Amino acid sequence: MSNEELRRKAHELDVTVWVGKGGIESVVDELNDQLQGNDLVKVKFLRAARGGTSTEELAEELEDRISGALFDVRGNTAVYH
């Protein structure tokens, strides 16, 4: 799939993983499970998870702990591939 096709698909995706006050550690297993069955997974970083950290920083930190790769970050939402 081309980047353009993935971007279009990502835009239409619903958020299926939410990162809250439990932080990114609490979603690592769930995100890995979802990435095994899906091309893309959309993750929302709630205010409780962000604290003083940017969504980009949290998204990159989560990428280091999963089997997939960060595809895109927009606002408080990240898409993994």
PDB file of N, CA and C in Angstrom:
ATOM      1  N   MET A   1       0.842  -1.182   0.000  1.00  0.00           N
ATOM      2  CA  MET A   1       0.000   0.000   0.000  1.00  0.00           C
ATOM      3  C   MET A   1       0.887   1.246   0.000  1.00  0.00           C
ATOM      4  N   SER A   2       0.543   2.194  -0.822  1.00  0.00           N
ATOM      5  CA  SER A   2       1.335   3.430  -0.889  1.00  0.00           C
ATOM      6  C   SER A   2       1.050   4.301   0.335  1.00  0.00           C
ATOM      7  N   ASN A   3       1.929   5.268   0.582  1.00  0.00           N
ATOM      8  CA  ASN A   3       1.725   6.188   1.699  1.00  0.00           C
ATOM      9  C   ASN A   3       0.416   6.947   1.560  1.00  0.00           C
ATOM     10  N   GLU A   4       0.065   7.299   0.329  1.00  0.00           N
ATOM     11  CA  GLU A   4      -1.174   8.041   0.091  1.00  0.00           C
ATOM     12  C   GLU A   4      -2.389   7.177   0.446  1.00  0.00           C
ATOM     13  N   GLU A   5      -2.336   5.901   0.072  1.00  0.00           N
ATOM     14  CA  GLU A   5      -3.431   4.984   0.410  1.00  0.00           C
ATOM     15  C   GLU A   5      -3.527   4.790   1.922  1.00  0.00           C
ATOM     16  N   LEU A   6      -2.367   4.650   2.571  1.00  0.00           N
ATOM     17  CA  LEU A   6      -2.349   4.495   4.025  1.00  0.00           C
ATOM     18  C   LEU A   6      -2.886   5.749   4.712  1.00  0.00           C
ATOM     19  N   ARG A   7      -2.507   6.915   4.205  1.00  0.00           N
ATOM     20  CA  ARG A   7      -2.964   8.177   4.785  1.00  0.00           C
ATOM     21  C   ARG A   7      -4.489   8.297   4.675  1.00  0.00           C
ATOM     22  N   ARG A   8      -5.030   7.913   3.529  1.00  0.00           N
ATOM     23  CA  ARG A   8      -6.475   7.950   3.318  1.00  0.00           C
ATOM     24  C   ARG A   8      -7.172   6.992   4.282  1.00  0.00           C
ATOM     25  N   LYS A   9      -6.618   5.791   4.399  1.00  0.00           N
ATOM     26  CA  LYS A   9      -7.183   4.781   5.298  1.00  0.00           C
ATOM     27  C   LYS A   9      -7.105   5.255   6.752  1.00  0.00           C
ATOM     28  N   ALA A  10      -5.988   5.876   7.132  1.00  0.00           N
ATOM     29  CA  ALA A  10      -5.803   6.367   8.499  1.00  0.00           C
ATOM     30  C   ALA A  10      -6.837   7.432   8.836  1.00  0.00           C
ATOM     31  N   HIS A  11      -7.139   8.283   7.865  1.00  0.00           N
ATOM     32  CA  HIS A  11      -8.103   9.360   8.082  1.00  0.00           C
ATOM     33  C   HIS A  11      -9.480   8.793   8.427  1.00  0.00           C
ATOM     34  N   GLU A  12      -9.837   7.676   7.829  1.00  0.00           N
ATOM     35  CA  GLU A  12     -11.159   7.078   8.029  1.00  0.00           C
ATOM     36  C   GLU A  12     -11.241   6.189   9.271  1.00  0.00           C
ATOM     37  N   LEU A  13     -10.090   5.859   9.850  1.00  0.00           N
ATOM     38  CA  LEU A  13     -10.050   4.965  11.012  1.00  0.00           C
ATOM     39  C   LEU A  13     -10.662   5.586  12.255  1.00  0.00           C
ATOM     40  N   ASP A  14     -11.270   4.738  13.073  1.00  0.00           N
ATOM     41  CA  ASP A  14     -11.709   5.159  14.400  1.00  0.00           C
ATOM     42  C   ASP A  14     -10.579   4.886  15.386  1.00  0.00           C
ATOM     43  N   VAL A  15     -10.525   5.664  16.439  1.00  0.00           N
ATOM     44  CA  VAL A  15      -9.554   5.430  17.507  1.00  0.00           C
ATOM     45  C   VAL A  15      -9.942   4.129  18.213  1.00  0.00           C
ATOM     46  N   THR A  16      -8.979   3.230  18.391  1.00  0.00           N
ATOM     47  CA  THR A  16      -9.259   1.966  19.079  1.00  0.00           C
ATOM     48  C   THR A  16      -8.390   1.778  20.323  1.00  0.00           C
ATOM     49  N   VAL A  17      -7.420   2.670  20.537  1.00  0.00           N
ATOM     50  CA  VAL A  17      -6.583   2.612  21.737  1.00  0.00           C
ATOM     51  C   VAL A  17      -6.511   4.027  22.323  1.00  0.00           C
ATOM     52  N   TRP A  18      -6.776   4.116  23.633  1.00  0.00           N
ATOM     53  CA  TRP A  18      -6.710   5.394  24.320  1.00  0.00           C
ATOM     54  C   TRP A  18      -5.629   5.322  25.382  1.00  0.00           C
ATOM     55  N   VAL A  19      -4.749   6.317  25.403  1.00  0.00           N
ATOM     56  CA  VAL A  19      -3.708   6.393  26.424  1.00  0.00           C
ATOM     57  C   VAL A  19      -4.160   7.442  27.434  1.00  0.00           C
ATOM     58  N   GLY A  20      -4.378   7.000  28.668  1.00  0.00           N
ATOM     59  CA  GLY A  20      -4.851   7.897  29.715  1.00  0.00           C
ATOM     60  C   GLY A  20      -3.865   7.999  30.843  1.00  0.00           C
ATOM     61  N   LYS A  21      -4.402   8.114  32.074  1.00  0.00           N
ATOM     62  CA  LYS A  21      -3.536   8.316  33.229  1.00  0.00           C
ATOM     63  C   LYS A  21      -2.632   7.124  33.512  1.00  0.00           C
ATOM     64  N   GLY A  22      -2.952   5.945  32.961  1.00  0.00           N
ATOM     65  CA  GLY A  22      -2.102   4.768  33.135  1.00  0.00           C
ATOM     66  C   GLY A  22      -0.827   4.853  32.316  1.00  0.00           C
ATOM     67  N   GLY A  23      -0.775   5.798  31.398  1.00  0.00           N
ATOM     68  CA  GLY A  23       0.416   6.002  30.577  1.00  0.00           C
ATOM     69  C   GLY A  23       0.546   4.988  29.449  1.00  0.00           C
ATOM     70  N   ILE A  24       1.647   5.095  28.722  1.00  0.00           N
ATOM     71  CA  ILE A  24       1.821   4.263  27.530  1.00  0.00           C
ATOM     72  C   ILE A  24       2.075   2.798  27.860  1.00  0.00           C
ATOM     73  N   GLU A  25       2.695   2.523  29.014  1.00  0.00           N
ATOM     74  CA  GLU A  25       2.958   1.122  29.380  1.00  0.00           C
ATOM     75  C   GLU A  25       1.681   0.305  29.406  1.00  0.00           C
ATOM     76  N   SER A  26       0.577   0.929  29.815  1.00  0.00           N
ATOM     77  CA  SER A  26      -0.677   0.199  29.970  1.00  0.00           C
ATOM     78  C   SER A  26      -1.318  -0.187  28.636  1.00  0.00           C
ATOM     79  N   VAL A  27      -0.838   0.353  27.518  1.00  0.00           N
ATOM     80  CA  VAL A  27      -1.455   0.041  26.218  1.00  0.00           C
ATOM     81  C   VAL A  27      -0.529  -0.724  25.270  1.00  0.00           C
ATOM     82  N   VAL A  28       0.696  -0.993  25.678  1.00  0.00           N
ATOM     83  CA  VAL A  28       1.673  -1.639  24.790  1.00  0.00           C
ATOM     84  C   VAL A  28       1.153  -2.980  24.269  1.00  0.00           C
ATOM     85  N   ASP A  29       0.689  -3.861  25.156  1.00  0.00           N
ATOM     86  CA  ASP A  29       0.220  -5.187  24.734  1.00  0.00           C
ATOM     87  C   ASP A  29      -0.993  -5.086  23.813  1.00  0.00           C
ATOM     88  N   GLU A  30      -1.938  -4.225  24.185  1.00  0.00           N
ATOM     89  CA  GLU A  30      -3.150  -4.061  23.369  1.00  0.00           C
ATOM     90  C   GLU A  30      -2.802  -3.543  21.982  1.00  0.00           C
ATOM     91  N   LEU A  31      -1.925  -2.571  21.903  1.00  0.00           N
ATOM     92  CA  LEU A  31      -1.535  -2.011  20.611  1.00  0.00           C
ATOM     93  C   LEU A  31      -0.816  -3.057  19.763  1.00  0.00           C
ATOM     94  N   ASN A  32       0.079  -3.821  20.364  1.00  0.00           N
ATOM     95  CA  ASN A  32       0.758  -4.895  19.622  1.00  0.00           C
ATOM     96  C   ASN A  32      -0.245  -5.906  19.084  1.00  0.00           C
ATOM     97  N   ASP A  33      -1.231  -6.282  19.903  1.00  0.00           N
ATOM     98  CA  ASP A  33      -2.264  -7.229  19.460  1.00  0.00           C
ATOM     99  C   ASP A  33      -3.035  -6.668  18.270  1.00  0.00           C
ATOM    100  N   GLN A  34      -3.428  -5.406  18.349  1.00  0.00           N
ATOM    101  CA  GLN A  34      -4.191  -4.795  17.258  1.00  0.00           C
ATOM    102  C   GLN A  34      -3.358  -4.653  15.988  1.00  0.00           C
ATOM    103  N   LEU A  35      -2.065  -4.381  16.131  1.00  0.00           N
ATOM    104  CA  LEU A  35      -1.204  -4.235  14.954  1.00  0.00           C
ATOM    105  C   LEU A  35      -1.022  -5.563  14.220  1.00  0.00           C
ATOM    106  N   GLN A  36      -1.157  -6.684  14.929  1.00  0.00           N
ATOM    107  CA  GLN A  36      -1.026  -7.987  14.271  1.00  0.00           C
ATOM    108  C   GLN A  36      -2.179  -8.236  13.307  1.00  0.00           C
ATOM    109  N   GLY A  37      -3.345  -7.690  13.617  1.00  0.00           N
ATOM    110  CA  GLY A  37      -4.510  -7.944  12.774  1.00  0.00           C
ATOM    111  C   GLY A  37      -4.915  -6.799  11.863  1.00  0.00           C
ATOM    112  N   ASN A  38      -4.230  -5.670  11.960  1.00  0.00           N
ATOM    113  CA  ASN A  38      -4.621  -4.477  11.200  1.00  0.00           C
ATOM    114  C   ASN A  38      -3.404  -3.787  10.592  1.00  0.00           C
ATOM    115  N   ASP A  39      -3.611  -3.175   9.414  1.00  0.00           N
ATOM    116  CA  ASP A  39      -2.540  -2.394   8.787  1.00  0.00           C
ATOM    117  C   ASP A  39      -2.208  -1.168   9.618  1.00  0.00           C
ATOM    118  N   LEU A  40      -3.251  -0.519  10.130  1.00  0.00           N
ATOM    119  CA  LEU A  40      -3.093   0.734  10.866  1.00  0.00           C
ATOM    120  C   LEU A  40      -3.915   0.692  12.146  1.00  0.00           C
ATOM    121  N   VAL A  41      -3.409   1.332  13.191  1.00  0.00           N
ATOM    122  CA  VAL A  41      -4.148   1.465  14.443  1.00  0.00           C
ATOM    123  C   VAL A  41      -4.030   2.919  14.894  1.00  0.00           C
ATOM    124  N   LYS A  42      -5.175   3.521  15.235  1.00  0.00           N
ATOM    125  CA  LYS A  42      -5.194   4.917  15.666  1.00  0.00           C
ATOM    126  C   LYS A  42      -5.252   4.977  17.189  1.00  0.00           C
ATOM    127  N   VAL A  43      -4.365   5.796  17.760  1.00  0.00           N
ATOM    128  CA  VAL A  43      -4.224   5.921  19.214  1.00  0.00           C
ATOM    129  C   VAL A  43      -4.461   7.372  19.616  1.00  0.00           C
ATOM    130  N   LYS A  44      -5.302   7.569  20.625  1.00  0.00           N
ATOM    131  CA  LYS A  44      -5.587   8.915  21.132  1.00  0.00           C
ATOM    132  C   LYS A  44      -4.879   9.093  22.475  1.00  0.00           C
ATOM    133  N   PHE A  45      -4.142  10.182  22.601  1.00  0.00           N
ATOM    134  CA  PHE A  45      -3.453  10.508  23.850  1.00  0.00           C
ATOM    135  C   PHE A  45      -4.292  11.524  24.617  1.00  0.00           C
ATOM    136  N   LEU A  46      -4.918  11.073  25.699  1.00  0.00           N
ATOM    137  CA  LEU A  46      -5.779  11.935  26.495  1.00  0.00           C
ATOM    138  C   LEU A  46      -4.942  12.899  27.331  1.00  0.00           C
ATOM    139  N   ARG A  47      -5.570  13.971  27.788  1.00  0.00           N
ATOM    140  CA  ARG A  47      -4.871  15.007  28.559  1.00  0.00           C
ATOM    141  C   ARG A  47      -4.168  14.414  29.779  1.00  0.00           C
ATOM    142  N   ALA A  48      -4.785  13.441  30.437  1.00  0.00           N
ATOM    143  CA  ALA A  48      -4.202  12.824  31.637  1.00  0.00           C
ATOM    144  C   ALA A  48      -2.867  12.147  31.337  1.00  0.00           C
ATOM    145  N   ALA A  49      -2.699  11.651  30.117  1.00  0.00           N
ATOM    146  CA  ALA A  49      -1.444  10.976  29.738  1.00  0.00           C
ATOM    147  C   ALA A  49      -0.371  11.986  29.363  1.00  0.00           C
ATOM    148  N   ARG A  50      -0.791  13.102  28.788  1.00  0.00           N
ATOM    149  CA  ARG A  50       0.178  14.057  28.257  1.00  0.00           C
ATOM    150  C   ARG A  50       0.903  14.839  29.339  1.00  0.00           C
ATOM    151  N   GLY A  51       0.184  15.287  30.345  1.00  0.00           N
ATOM    152  CA  GLY A  51       0.831  16.111  31.367  1.00  0.00           C
ATOM    153  C   GLY A  51       1.556  17.254  30.686  1.00  0.00           C
ATOM    154  N   GLY A  52       2.871  17.362  30.886  1.00  0.00           N
ATOM    155  CA  GLY A  52       3.644  18.415  30.252  1.00  0.00           C
ATOM    156  C   GLY A  52       4.374  17.938  29.016  1.00  0.00           C
ATOM    157  N   THR A  53       4.049  16.730  28.551  1.00  0.00           N
ATOM    158  CA  THR A  53       4.746  16.129  27.417  1.00  0.00           C
ATOM    159  C   THR A  53       3.928  16.316  26.151  1.00  0.00           C
ATOM    160  N   SER A  54       4.593  16.509  25.022  1.00  0.00           N
ATOM    161  CA  SER A  54       3.859  16.664  23.767  1.00  0.00           C
ATOM    162  C   SER A  54       3.387  15.310  23.264  1.00  0.00           C
ATOM    163  N   THR A  55       2.353  15.336  22.446  1.00  0.00           N
ATOM    164  CA  THR A  55       1.835  14.106  21.847  1.00  0.00           C
ATOM    165  C   THR A  55       2.915  13.442  21.006  1.00  0.00           C
ATOM    166  N   GLU A  56       3.703  14.232  20.283  1.00  0.00           N
ATOM    167  CA  GLU A  56       4.766  13.673  19.440  1.00  0.00           C
ATOM    168  C   GLU A  56       5.772  12.883  20.272  1.00  0.00           C
ATOM    169  N   GLU A  57       6.169  13.459  21.429  1.00  0.00           N
ATOM    170  CA  GLU A  57       7.129  12.769  22.297  1.00  0.00           C
ATOM    171  C   GLU A  57       6.559  11.455  22.819  1.00  0.00           C
ATOM    172  N   LEU A  58       5.303  11.487  23.258  1.00  0.00           N
ATOM    173  CA  LEU A  58       4.664  10.269  23.763  1.00  0.00           C
ATOM    174  C   LEU A  58       4.510   9.232  22.652  1.00  0.00           C
ATOM    175  N   ALA A  59       4.139   9.692  21.461  1.00  0.00           N
ATOM    176  CA  ALA A  59       3.955   8.781  20.329  1.00  0.00           C
ATOM    177  C   ALA A  59       5.270   8.092  19.970  1.00  0.00           C
ATOM    178  N   GLU A  60       6.361   8.837  20.005  1.00  0.00           N
ATOM    179  CA  GLU A  60       7.680   8.259  19.702  1.00  0.00           C
ATOM    180  C   GLU A  60       8.120   7.302  20.801  1.00  0.00           C
ATOM    181  N   GLU A  61       7.810   7.652  22.048  1.00  0.00           N
ATOM    182  CA  GLU A  61       8.152   6.781  23.168  1.00  0.00           C
ATOM    183  C   GLU A  61       7.382   5.459  23.069  1.00  0.00           C
ATOM    184  N   LEU A  62       6.117   5.532  22.692  1.00  0.00           N
ATOM    185  CA  LEU A  62       5.305   4.328  22.511  1.00  0.00           C
ATOM    186  C   LEU A  62       5.831   3.492  21.345  1.00  0.00           C
ATOM    187  N   GLU A  63       6.263   4.155  20.289  1.00  0.00           N
ATOM    188  CA  GLU A  63       6.815   3.448  19.122  1.00  0.00           C
ATOM    189  C   GLU A  63       8.004   2.576  19.519  1.00  0.00           C
ATOM    190  N   ASP A  64       8.829   3.058  20.451  1.00  0.00           N
ATOM    191  CA  ASP A  64      10.002   2.311  20.906  1.00  0.00           C
ATOM    192  C   ASP A  64       9.630   1.022  21.635  1.00  0.00           C
ATOM    193  N   ARG A  65       8.383   0.922  22.104  1.00  0.00           N
ATOM    194  CA  ARG A  65       7.960  -0.225  22.915  1.00  0.00           C
ATOM    195  C   ARG A  65       7.057  -1.210  22.169  1.00  0.00           C
ATOM    196  N   ILE A  66       6.752  -0.924  20.911  1.00  0.00           N
ATOM    197  CA  ILE A  66       5.841  -1.799  20.175  1.00  0.00           C
ATOM    198  C   ILE A  66       6.530  -2.416  18.963  1.00  0.00           C
ATOM    199  N   SER A  67       5.824  -3.361  18.331  1.00  0.00           N
ATOM    200  CA  SER A  67       6.389  -4.044  17.167  1.00  0.00           C
ATOM    201  C   SER A  67       6.117  -3.297  15.867  1.00  0.00           C
ATOM    202  N   GLY A  68       5.360  -2.202  15.926  1.00  0.00           N
ATOM    203  CA  GLY A  68       5.043  -1.429  14.731  1.00  0.00           C
ATOM    204  C   GLY A  68       5.835  -0.136  14.667  1.00  0.00           C
ATOM    205  N   ALA A  69       5.462   0.688  13.701  1.00  0.00           N
ATOM    206  CA  ALA A  69       6.145   1.972  13.506  1.00  0.00           C
ATOM    207  C   ALA A  69       5.126   3.107  13.527  1.00  0.00           C
ATOM    208  N   LEU A  70       5.577   4.253  13.989  1.00  0.00           N
ATOM    209  CA  LEU A  70       4.739   5.447  13.988  1.00  0.00           C
ATOM    210  C   LEU A  70       4.564   5.903  12.543  1.00  0.00           C
ATOM    211  N   PHE A  71       3.315   6.090  12.127  1.00  0.00           N
ATOM    212  CA  PHE A  71       3.038   6.491  10.752  1.00  0.00           C
ATOM    213  C   PHE A  71       2.733   7.988  10.662  1.00  0.00           C
ATOM    214  N   ASP A  72       1.948   8.504  11.619  1.00  0.00           N
ATOM    215  CA  ASP A  72       1.532   9.903  11.540  1.00  0.00           C
ATOM    216  C   ASP A  72       1.065  10.391  12.910  1.00  0.00           C
ATOM    217  N   VAL A  73       1.261  11.671  13.194  1.00  0.00           N
ATOM    218  CA  VAL A  73       0.730  12.300  14.408  1.00  0.00           C
ATOM    219  C   VAL A  73      -0.003  13.554  13.984  1.00  0.00           C
ATOM    220  N   ARG A  74      -1.246  13.676  14.444  1.00  0.00           N
ATOM    221  CA  ARG A  74      -2.036  14.884  14.184  1.00  0.00           C
ATOM    222  C   ARG A  74      -2.800  15.221  15.441  1.00  0.00           C
ATOM    223  N   GLY A  75      -2.598  16.421  15.942  1.00  0.00           N
ATOM    224  CA  GLY A  75      -3.275  16.813  17.182  1.00  0.00           C
ATOM    225  C   GLY A  75      -2.841  15.904  18.315  1.00  0.00           C
ATOM    226  N   ASN A  76      -3.804  15.278  18.967  1.00  0.00           N
ATOM    227  CA  ASN A  76      -3.519  14.372  20.079  1.00  0.00           C
ATOM    228  C   ASN A  76      -3.686  12.917  19.676  1.00  0.00           C
ATOM    229  N   THR A  77      -3.630  12.657  18.381  1.00  0.00           N
ATOM    230  CA  THR A  77      -3.838  11.321  17.848  1.00  0.00           C
ATOM    231  C   THR A  77      -2.632  10.883  17.031  1.00  0.00           C
ATOM    232  N   ALA A  78      -2.267   9.609  17.201  1.00  0.00           N
ATOM    233  CA  ALA A  78      -1.158   9.025  16.435  1.00  0.00           C
ATOM    234  C   ALA A  78      -1.668   7.787  15.707  1.00  0.00           C
ATOM    235  N   VAL A  79      -1.056   7.507  14.563  1.00  0.00           N
ATOM    236  CA  VAL A  79      -1.393   6.306  13.796  1.00  0.00           C
ATOM    237  C   VAL A  79      -0.142   5.465  13.689  1.00  0.00           C
ATOM    238  N   TYR A  80      -0.286   4.183  14.004  1.00  0.00           N
ATOM    239  CA  TYR A  80       0.835   3.234  13.929  1.00  0.00           C
ATOM    240  C   TYR A  80       0.583   2.231  12.831  1.00  0.00           C
ATOM    241  N   HIS A  81       1.676   1.746  12.233  1.00  0.00           N
ATOM    242  CA  HIS A  81       1.611   0.844  11.086  1.00  0.00           C
ATOM    243  C   HIS A  81       2.411  -0.412  11.389  1.00  0.00           C
TER     244      HIS A  81
END
